[in-house]
Amino acid sequence: MSEGLLAGKVVLVTGASTGIGAAAARLFAREGARVVLTARTAERLAEVADGITAAGGTASHVAADISVASEVERVVDVVLERYGRVDGAFNNAGVSQGGVLLADLD
């Protein structure tokens, strides 16, 4: 999986434990990216990361609640520590702010 459109890039994927996030992480890895997966459930993240690795890709994971700013900072710090940079982010996680409309968030 080292060849591809994203060869050598580092991509952070939020909401990566299931559904669209997991599928996107697999696609980024197939295109050569080193992917870092994040979501709240470590076990599911490990399954997705293991699947990517088994298919020849590079993946790691960090369990975090991205609705908490300090958790986001921790995730970015881990990515920078592991890979030295972040080339892209797929911000897929669904986060509710108490029923507030997206247009009303600051």
N, C-alpha and C. Protein backbone atom coordinates (compact mmCIF):
# COMPACT_ATOMS: atom_id res chain seq x y z
N MET A 1 0.80 -1.20 0.00
CA MET A 1 0.00 0.00 0.00
C MET A 1 0.84 1.27 0.00
N SER A 2 2.14 1.16 -0.18
CA SER A 2 2.98 2.35 -0.11
C SER A 2 2.84 3.23 -1.34
N GLU A 3 2.39 2.70 -2.46
CA GLU A 3 2.18 3.49 -3.66
C GLU A 3 0.77 4.05 -3.63
N GLY A 4 0.56 5.15 -4.30
CA GLY A 4 -0.77 5.71 -4.37
C GLY A 4 -0.76 7.21 -4.26
N LEU A 5 -1.90 7.77 -4.41
CA LEU A 5 -2.09 9.21 -4.40
C LEU A 5 -1.59 9.86 -3.11
N LEU A 6 -1.70 9.15 -1.99
CA LEU A 6 -1.34 9.71 -0.68
C LEU A 6 -0.07 9.10 -0.10
N ALA A 7 0.76 8.52 -0.94
CA ALA A 7 1.97 7.85 -0.47
C ALA A 7 2.79 8.77 0.42
N GLY A 8 3.11 8.29 1.61
CA GLY A 8 3.93 9.03 2.55
C GLY A 8 3.22 10.09 3.36
N LYS A 9 1.97 10.34 3.09
CA LYS A 9 1.22 11.35 3.83
C LYS A 9 0.70 10.77 5.14
N VAL A 10 0.41 11.64 6.10
CA VAL A 10 -0.16 11.25 7.39
C VAL A 10 -1.55 11.86 7.48
N VAL A 11 -2.55 11.00 7.68
CA VAL A 11 -3.94 11.46 7.73
C VAL A 11 -4.58 11.02 9.04
N LEU A 12 -5.18 11.97 9.72
CA LEU A 12 -5.94 11.72 10.95
C LEU A 12 -7.40 11.57 10.59
N VAL A 13 -8.03 10.51 11.06
CA VAL A 13 -9.44 10.26 10.77
C VAL A 13 -10.21 10.18 12.09
N THR A 14 -11.15 11.10 12.29
CA THR A 14 -12.00 11.05 13.47
C THR A 14 -13.25 10.22 13.17
N GLY A 15 -13.84 9.66 14.21
CA GLY A 15 -15.01 8.81 14.02
C GLY A 15 -14.67 7.59 13.20
N ALA A 16 -13.47 7.06 13.41
CA ALA A 16 -12.90 6.02 12.54
C ALA A 16 -13.21 4.59 12.96
N SER A 17 -13.99 4.41 14.01
CA SER A 17 -14.20 3.04 14.50
C SER A 17 -15.26 2.27 13.72
N THR A 18 -16.14 2.97 12.99
CA THR A 18 -17.21 2.30 12.24
C THR A 18 -17.58 3.14 11.02
N GLY A 19 -18.41 2.57 10.19
CA GLY A 19 -19.07 3.29 9.11
C GLY A 19 -18.16 4.06 8.18
N ILE A 20 -18.58 5.29 7.87
CA ILE A 20 -17.87 6.13 6.91
C ILE A 20 -16.43 6.39 7.35
N GLY A 21 -16.21 6.63 8.65
CA GLY A 21 -14.86 6.89 9.13
C GLY A 21 -13.92 5.72 8.92
N ALA A 22 -14.39 4.51 9.23
CA ALA A 22 -13.56 3.32 9.03
C ALA A 22 -13.30 3.09 7.54
N ALA A 23 -14.33 3.28 6.72
CA ALA A 23 -14.16 3.10 5.27
C ALA A 23 -13.19 4.13 4.71
N ALA A 24 -13.28 5.37 5.17
CA ALA A 24 -12.36 6.41 4.71
C ALA A 24 -10.92 6.07 5.12
N ALA A 25 -10.73 5.61 6.35
CA ALA A 25 -9.39 5.24 6.81
C ALA A 25 -8.81 4.14 5.93
N ARG A 26 -9.63 3.15 5.60
CA ARG A 26 -9.16 2.06 4.72
C ARG A 26 -8.77 2.60 3.35
N LEU A 27 -9.57 3.50 2.81
CA LEU A 27 -9.28 4.09 1.50
C LEU A 27 -8.00 4.91 1.54
N PHE A 28 -7.84 5.77 2.55
CA PHE A 28 -6.62 6.56 2.67
C PHE A 28 -5.39 5.64 2.74
N ALA A 29 -5.51 4.56 3.51
CA ALA A 29 -4.40 3.61 3.62
C ALA A 29 -4.12 2.92 2.29
N ARG A 30 -5.16 2.53 1.57
CA ARG A 30 -4.96 1.91 0.25
C ARG A 30 -4.25 2.86 -0.70
N GLU A 31 -4.45 4.15 -0.50
CA GLU A 31 -3.79 5.16 -1.34
C GLU A 31 -2.42 5.54 -0.81
N GLY A 32 -1.93 4.82 0.21
CA GLY A 32 -0.57 5.00 0.69
C GLY A 32 -0.38 5.84 1.93
N ALA A 33 -1.45 6.42 2.46
CA ALA A 33 -1.32 7.26 3.66
C ALA A 33 -1.06 6.41 4.90
N ARG A 34 -0.33 6.99 5.82
CA ARG A 34 -0.22 6.43 7.17
C ARG A 34 -1.39 7.06 7.91
N VAL A 35 -2.30 6.23 8.41
CA VAL A 35 -3.51 6.76 9.02
C VAL A 35 -3.47 6.60 10.54
N VAL A 36 -4.01 7.62 11.20
CA VAL A 36 -4.19 7.58 12.65
C VAL A 36 -5.68 7.70 12.88
N LEU A 37 -6.24 6.69 13.52
CA LEU A 37 -7.67 6.60 13.75
C LEU A 37 -8.00 7.08 15.15
N THR A 38 -9.10 7.80 15.26
CA THR A 38 -9.55 8.18 16.59
C THR A 38 -11.07 8.08 16.67
N ALA A 39 -11.53 7.68 17.83
CA ALA A 39 -12.94 7.58 18.20
C ALA A 39 -12.93 7.25 19.69
N ARG A 40 -14.10 7.08 20.25
CA ARG A 40 -14.15 6.82 21.69
C ARG A 40 -13.90 5.36 22.07
N THR A 41 -14.14 4.43 21.15
CA THR A 41 -14.08 3.00 21.49
C THR A 41 -12.77 2.37 21.01
N ALA A 42 -11.85 2.15 21.94
CA ALA A 42 -10.52 1.63 21.61
C ALA A 42 -10.58 0.26 20.93
N GLU A 43 -11.47 -0.60 21.37
CA GLU A 43 -11.52 -1.95 20.81
C GLU A 43 -11.87 -1.92 19.33
N ARG A 44 -12.86 -1.13 18.96
CA ARG A 44 -13.24 -1.03 17.54
C ARG A 44 -12.13 -0.38 16.72
N LEU A 45 -11.50 0.64 17.28
CA LEU A 45 -10.38 1.27 16.59
C LEU A 45 -9.27 0.27 16.32
N ALA A 46 -8.97 -0.55 17.31
CA ALA A 46 -7.91 -1.56 17.15
C ALA A 46 -8.27 -2.53 16.03
N GLU A 47 -9.53 -2.93 15.94
CA GLU A 47 -9.96 -3.85 14.88
C GLU A 47 -9.76 -3.22 13.51
N VAL A 48 -10.15 -1.97 13.36
CA VAL A 48 -9.99 -1.29 12.07
C VAL A 48 -8.50 -1.14 11.74
N ALA A 49 -7.72 -0.68 12.70
CA ALA A 49 -6.28 -0.51 12.49
C ALA A 49 -5.61 -1.84 12.15
N ASP A 50 -5.97 -2.89 12.86
CA ASP A 50 -5.40 -4.21 12.58
C ASP A 50 -5.75 -4.68 11.17
N GLY A 51 -6.97 -4.42 10.73
CA GLY A 51 -7.38 -4.78 9.38
C GLY A 51 -6.57 -4.03 8.33
N ILE A 52 -6.33 -2.76 8.56
CA ILE A 52 -5.53 -1.95 7.63
C ILE A 52 -4.11 -2.49 7.58
N THR A 53 -3.55 -2.77 8.74
CA THR A 53 -2.19 -3.30 8.81
C THR A 53 -2.09 -4.66 8.13
N ALA A 54 -3.09 -5.52 8.36
CA ALA A 54 -3.09 -6.85 7.74
C ALA A 54 -3.15 -6.76 6.21
N ALA A 55 -3.76 -5.70 5.71
CA ALA A 55 -3.86 -5.50 4.26
C ALA A 55 -2.63 -4.81 3.68
N GLY A 56 -1.64 -4.52 4.53
CA GLY A 56 -0.40 -3.94 4.06
C GLY A 56 -0.25 -2.45 4.30
N GLY A 57 -1.23 -1.84 4.97
CA GLY A 57 -1.17 -0.41 5.24
C GLY A 57 -0.51 -0.09 6.57
N THR A 58 -0.42 1.18 6.87
CA THR A 58 0.12 1.64 8.14
C THR A 58 -0.97 2.38 8.88
N ALA A 59 -1.30 1.87 10.06
CA ALA A 59 -2.37 2.48 10.85
C ALA A 59 -2.06 2.35 12.33
N SER A 60 -2.47 3.37 13.04
CA SER A 60 -2.43 3.34 14.50
C SER A 60 -3.69 4.01 14.99
N HIS A 61 -3.91 3.96 16.29
CA HIS A 61 -5.16 4.53 16.81
C HIS A 61 -4.94 5.15 18.17
N VAL A 62 -5.81 6.12 18.46
CA VAL A 62 -5.82 6.82 19.75
C VAL A 62 -7.28 6.99 20.15
N ALA A 63 -7.68 6.36 21.24
CA ALA A 63 -9.05 6.53 21.73
C ALA A 63 -9.17 7.91 22.36
N ALA A 64 -10.22 8.64 21.96
CA ALA A 64 -10.43 9.99 22.49
C ALA A 64 -11.85 10.45 22.20
N ASP A 65 -12.31 11.36 23.01
CA ASP A 65 -13.60 12.01 22.80
C ASP A 65 -13.30 13.38 22.20
N ILE A 66 -13.53 13.53 20.90
CA ILE A 66 -13.14 14.76 20.24
C ILE A 66 -14.06 15.94 20.54
N SER A 67 -15.08 15.72 21.33
CA SER A 67 -15.90 16.85 21.76
C SER A 67 -15.25 17.60 22.93
N VAL A 68 -14.11 17.08 23.40
CA VAL A 68 -13.36 17.68 24.50
C VAL A 68 -12.05 18.22 23.94
N ALA A 69 -11.86 19.53 24.02
CA ALA A 69 -10.70 20.19 23.40
C ALA A 69 -9.37 19.58 23.84
N SER A 70 -9.23 19.28 25.11
CA SER A 70 -7.96 18.71 25.58
C SER A 70 -7.69 17.33 24.98
N GLU A 71 -8.75 16.59 24.69
CA GLU A 71 -8.60 15.29 24.04
C GLU A 71 -8.10 15.46 22.60
N VAL A 72 -8.62 16.46 21.91
CA VAL A 72 -8.17 16.75 20.54
C VAL A 72 -6.69 17.12 20.56
N GLU A 73 -6.30 17.95 21.49
CA GLU A 73 -4.89 18.33 21.62
C GLU A 73 -4.02 17.11 21.87
N ARG A 74 -4.49 16.21 22.72
CA ARG A 74 -3.73 14.99 23.02
C ARG A 74 -3.57 14.14 21.77
N VAL A 75 -4.64 13.98 20.99
CA VAL A 75 -4.57 13.19 19.76
C VAL A 75 -3.55 13.79 18.80
N VAL A 76 -3.63 15.09 18.59
CA VAL A 76 -2.68 15.75 17.68
C VAL A 76 -1.26 15.57 18.19
N ASP A 77 -1.05 15.70 19.48
CA ASP A 77 0.29 15.49 20.05
C ASP A 77 0.80 14.08 19.77
N VAL A 78 -0.07 13.09 19.90
CA VAL A 78 0.32 11.70 19.63
C VAL A 78 0.70 11.54 18.16
N VAL A 79 -0.11 12.10 17.26
CA VAL A 79 0.19 12.00 15.82
C VAL A 79 1.55 12.64 15.53
N LEU A 80 1.78 13.82 16.07
CA LEU A 80 3.05 14.51 15.84
C LEU A 80 4.22 13.73 16.42
N GLU A 81 4.02 13.11 17.58
CA GLU A 81 5.08 12.31 18.19
C GLU A 81 5.40 11.10 17.33
N ARG A 82 4.38 10.44 16.79
CA ARG A 82 4.59 9.22 16.00
C ARG A 82 5.14 9.51 14.61
N TYR A 83 4.61 10.54 13.96
CA TYR A 83 4.91 10.75 12.55
C TYR A 83 5.55 12.09 12.22
N GLY A 84 5.60 13.02 13.18
CA GLY A 84 6.24 14.29 12.96
C GLY A 84 5.43 15.33 12.22
N ARG A 85 4.25 14.95 11.77
CA ARG A 85 3.41 15.90 11.03
C ARG A 85 2.01 15.34 10.82
N VAL A 86 1.11 16.22 10.38
CA VAL A 86 -0.24 15.84 9.96
C VAL A 86 -0.45 16.50 8.60
N ASP A 87 -0.67 15.69 7.58
CA ASP A 87 -0.88 16.24 6.24
C ASP A 87 -2.35 16.46 5.91
N GLY A 88 -3.22 15.73 6.60
CA GLY A 88 -4.63 15.88 6.33
C GLY A 88 -5.46 15.32 7.47
N ALA A 89 -6.70 15.77 7.52
CA ALA A 89 -7.62 15.26 8.53
C ALA A 89 -8.99 15.06 7.90
N PHE A 90 -9.57 13.94 8.19
CA PHE A 90 -10.94 13.65 7.77
C PHE A 90 -11.78 13.74 9.04
N ASN A 91 -12.43 14.87 9.22
CA ASN A 91 -13.18 15.15 10.44
C ASN A 91 -14.59 14.61 10.30
N ASN A 92 -14.73 13.34 10.60
CA ASN A 92 -15.94 12.59 10.35
C ASN A 92 -16.81 12.41 11.59
N ALA A 93 -16.25 12.55 12.77
CA ALA A 93 -17.00 12.25 14.00
C ALA A 93 -18.20 13.17 14.14
N GLY A 94 -19.32 12.56 14.50
CA GLY A 94 -20.52 13.34 14.76
C GLY A 94 -20.53 13.77 16.21
N VAL A 95 -20.60 15.07 16.43
CA VAL A 95 -20.58 15.60 17.79
C VAL A 95 -21.79 16.50 17.97
N SER A 96 -22.53 16.23 19.01
CA SER A 96 -23.70 17.04 19.31
C SER A 96 -23.35 18.06 20.38
N GLN A 97 -23.82 19.26 20.21
CA GLN A 97 -23.60 20.32 21.20
C GLN A 97 -24.93 20.64 21.89
N GLY A 98 -25.57 19.62 22.43
CA GLY A 98 -26.79 19.83 23.17
C GLY A 98 -27.97 20.24 22.31
N GLY A 99 -28.02 19.78 21.07
CA GLY A 99 -29.14 20.08 20.20
C GLY A 99 -29.08 21.43 19.51
N VAL A 100 -27.94 22.11 19.62
CA VAL A 100 -27.78 23.41 18.97
C VAL A 100 -27.55 23.18 17.48
N LEU A 101 -28.15 24.01 16.65
CA LEU A 101 -27.96 23.93 15.22
C LEU A 101 -26.51 24.28 14.87
N LEU A 102 -25.95 23.59 13.90
CA LEU A 102 -24.58 23.82 13.49
C LEU A 102 -24.35 25.30 13.15
N ALA A 103 -25.29 25.92 12.50
CA ALA A 103 -25.15 27.33 12.11
C ALA A 103 -25.06 28.26 13.32
N ASP A 104 -25.53 27.80 14.49
CA ASP A 104 -25.51 28.64 15.68
C ASP A 104 -24.27 28.43 16.57
N LEU A 105 -23.37 27.52 16.16
CA LEU A 105 -22.15 27.28 16.94
C LEU A 105 -21.11 28.32 16.60
N ASP A 106 -20.34 28.72 17.63
CA ASP A 106 -19.25 29.66 17.33
C ASP A 106 -17.96 28.91 17.07
